[in-house]
Structures are given as structure tokens and as C-alpha cells.
Amino acid sequence: MKFNRINQNKMKHLLVILACFIALGCSTNPQNDKQLIGKWVGTLKDQQTGGSIEKIVLEFTKDGNFMQHLGEGDMQNTIESIYEIQNDKLICIDKQSKEKTEAKYEVKNDTLTIVLEGVENSYTKVK
């Protein structure tokens, strides 16, 4: 039980950081914003090993909300944040902890690539 709580706390921290990094990579161009809006599915990677941890779904809304859904079923955790675009960067702020994160990202076709602290994660747009 203690092991699961530690992993959940670690994952929540990683997700908050990821959210912020995604937020800082956006462009102020509304067309780029439209590319980011929607749901993206992928696998979260461990920052130290680069190995896959578990499934993650990122969801960006038109009104500036950002949700990260980690895991599946009864083990799914959701982190809610807000995001904004400033100077070609996406800024994300966790609604609960108020922690601010930045990240560079790139959208090409149906693939969102995010680089967070040297670890690259790719996500596919959900249609």
C-alpha cells in the first residue's frame, strides 16, 4: 500500500511538471493553439531511466484548462491545471498546488512531442 502511494505521488509530480512544460512551448498564433486543443494519448516516461511508466491522456480545452489522466480504471488519477501561451511558450499552473511548469512542444500532423527535462514523450491525437 505504501509503495502505491509513493508511486502515485511521484507520478502526480511528474505530471504537473509535464503540464507546465507543455504550456510553455505553445505559440501565440491561434492556428497553433487549435492544433493543441483536444485529447492526446501516450506513455509517460521516467525522467531518470527513460523507460515507460504508464498510459497518460493529455486534454487541452479551448478555455485554457488542461487535464492529465494517468493510469486506467480504478487506478486512474487526474490532475487539473490551467495553461496559457506567452512568448511562444506554454505555461501550465496546477490548480491544486499552484505549481508552475514550462515545456517546449511540437505538433506535427497527429503527433504531439514534448521534451521535459531532456526526456522526450510523444502523444497521438485522439479522433
Protein backbone atom coordinates (compact mmCIF):
# COMPACT_ATOMS: atom_id res chain seq x y z
CA MET A 1 0.00 0.00 0.00
CA LYS A 2 2.81 2.40 0.89
CA PHE A 3 4.51 1.58 -2.43
CA ASN A 4 1.39 2.61 -4.41
CA ARG A 5 1.11 5.90 -2.52
CA ILE A 6 4.76 6.73 -3.24
CA ASN A 7 4.34 5.92 -6.93
CA GLN A 8 1.13 7.97 -7.13
CA ASN A 9 2.83 10.98 -5.54
CA LYS A 10 5.82 10.63 -7.86
CA MET A 11 3.54 10.33 -10.89
CA LYS A 12 1.49 13.34 -9.85
CA HIS A 13 4.67 15.41 -9.54
CA LEU A 14 5.86 14.24 -12.97
CA LEU A 15 2.50 15.11 -14.50
CA VAL A 16 2.50 18.60 -13.02
CA ILE A 17 5.95 19.22 -14.43
CA LEU A 18 4.91 17.79 -17.78
CA ALA A 19 1.86 20.03 -17.89
CA CYS A 20 3.90 23.13 -17.34
CA PHE A 21 6.43 22.20 -19.97
CA ILE A 22 3.70 21.67 -22.49
CA ALA A 23 2.23 25.04 -21.66
CA LEU A 24 5.43 26.95 -22.38
CA GLY A 25 6.00 25.50 -25.81
CA CYS A 26 2.88 26.91 -27.46
CA SER A 27 2.91 29.71 -29.97
CA THR A 28 0.77 32.83 -29.72
CA ASN A 29 -0.54 32.02 -33.19
CA PRO A 30 -4.22 30.97 -32.82
CA GLN A 31 -3.74 28.36 -35.55
CA ASN A 32 -1.11 26.63 -33.38
CA ASP A 33 -3.47 26.81 -30.41
CA LYS A 34 -6.13 25.00 -32.42
CA GLN A 35 -3.66 22.20 -33.16
CA LEU A 36 -3.11 21.64 -29.44
CA ILE A 37 -6.81 21.56 -28.46
CA GLY A 38 -8.14 18.04 -27.89
CA LYS A 39 -7.04 14.75 -26.37
CA TRP A 40 -3.62 13.16 -26.80
CA VAL A 41 -2.71 9.63 -25.70
CA GLY A 42 0.76 8.27 -24.99
CA THR A 43 3.03 6.65 -22.45
CA LEU A 44 4.71 8.67 -19.74
CA LYS A 45 8.46 8.07 -19.46
CA ASP A 46 10.53 8.04 -16.28
CA GLN A 47 12.84 11.06 -16.16
CA GLN A 48 15.77 9.06 -14.78
CA THR A 49 15.63 5.88 -16.85
CA GLY A 50 13.66 6.96 -19.92
CA GLY A 51 11.56 3.79 -19.52
CA SER A 52 7.79 3.77 -19.97
CA ILE A 53 5.82 4.18 -16.75
CA GLU A 54 2.17 4.02 -17.77
CA LYS A 55 -0.55 5.33 -20.08
CA ILE A 56 -1.33 9.04 -19.99
CA VAL A 57 -4.01 11.11 -21.72
CA LEU A 58 -3.48 14.86 -22.04
CA GLU A 59 -6.52 17.05 -22.68
CA PHE A 60 -6.34 20.72 -23.70
CA THR A 61 -9.54 22.77 -23.89
CA LYS A 62 -10.31 26.00 -25.74
CA ASP A 63 -10.93 27.80 -22.44
CA GLY A 64 -7.39 27.24 -21.12
CA ASN A 65 -7.95 24.14 -18.99
CA PHE A 66 -5.52 21.25 -19.11
CA MET A 67 -6.15 17.79 -17.67
CA GLN A 68 -3.75 14.90 -17.33
CA HIS A 69 -5.30 11.45 -16.91
CA LEU A 70 -2.73 8.94 -15.70
CA GLY A 71 -3.40 5.20 -15.48
CA GLU A 72 -6.62 3.37 -16.22
CA GLY A 73 -9.79 2.23 -14.48
CA ASP A 74 -9.85 2.44 -10.67
CA MET A 75 -6.16 3.41 -10.65
CA GLN A 76 -6.65 6.49 -12.85
CA ASN A 77 -5.56 9.84 -11.41
CA THR A 78 -6.48 13.19 -12.95
CA ILE A 79 -4.52 16.39 -12.45
CA GLU A 80 -6.27 19.62 -13.39
CA SER A 81 -4.31 22.67 -14.47
CA ILE A 82 -4.69 25.83 -16.49
CA TYR A 83 -2.45 26.78 -19.37
CA GLU A 84 -1.64 29.91 -21.30
CA ILE A 85 0.64 30.97 -24.10
CA GLN A 86 3.33 33.61 -23.58
CA ASN A 87 6.20 34.44 -25.91
CA ASP A 88 5.96 31.21 -27.90
CA LYS A 89 5.83 29.17 -24.69
CA LEU A 90 3.09 27.28 -22.91
CA ILE A 91 2.76 27.94 -19.19
CA CYS A 92 0.88 25.48 -17.01
CA ILE A 93 -0.24 26.03 -13.42
CA ASP A 94 -1.59 23.17 -11.31
CA LYS A 95 -4.99 24.18 -9.89
CA GLN A 96 -4.36 22.49 -6.54
CA SER A 97 -0.69 23.13 -5.78
CA LYS A 98 -0.31 26.32 -7.89
CA GLU A 99 3.00 24.87 -9.16
CA LYS A 100 4.07 26.47 -12.44
CA THR A 101 5.78 24.45 -15.19
CA GLU A 102 7.21 25.17 -18.65
CA ALA A 103 7.97 22.90 -21.62
CA LYS A 104 8.71 23.02 -25.29
CA TYR A 105 6.48 21.07 -27.58
CA GLU A 106 5.85 20.49 -31.23
CA VAL A 107 2.73 19.39 -33.09
CA LYS A 108 3.22 17.65 -36.44
CA ASN A 109 0.13 16.15 -38.04
CA ASP A 110 -1.42 13.99 -35.30
CA THR A 111 1.69 13.77 -33.11
CA LEU A 112 2.46 15.96 -30.11
CA THR A 113 6.08 15.78 -28.94
CA ILE A 114 7.03 17.17 -25.55
CA VAL A 115 10.54 17.41 -24.16
CA LEU A 116 10.64 17.66 -20.39
CA GLU A 117 14.00 17.84 -18.62
CA GLY A 118 15.67 16.06 -21.53
CA VAL A 119 13.08 13.26 -21.78
CA GLU A 120 11.03 13.21 -24.97
CA ASN A 121 7.43 11.97 -24.86
CA SER A 122 5.23 11.57 -27.94
CA TYR A 123 1.44 11.55 -27.97
CA THR A 124 -1.09 10.71 -30.68
CA LYS A 125 -4.21 12.80 -31.20
CA VAL A 126 -7.45 11.03 -30.25
CA LYS A 127 -10.02 11.38 -33.02
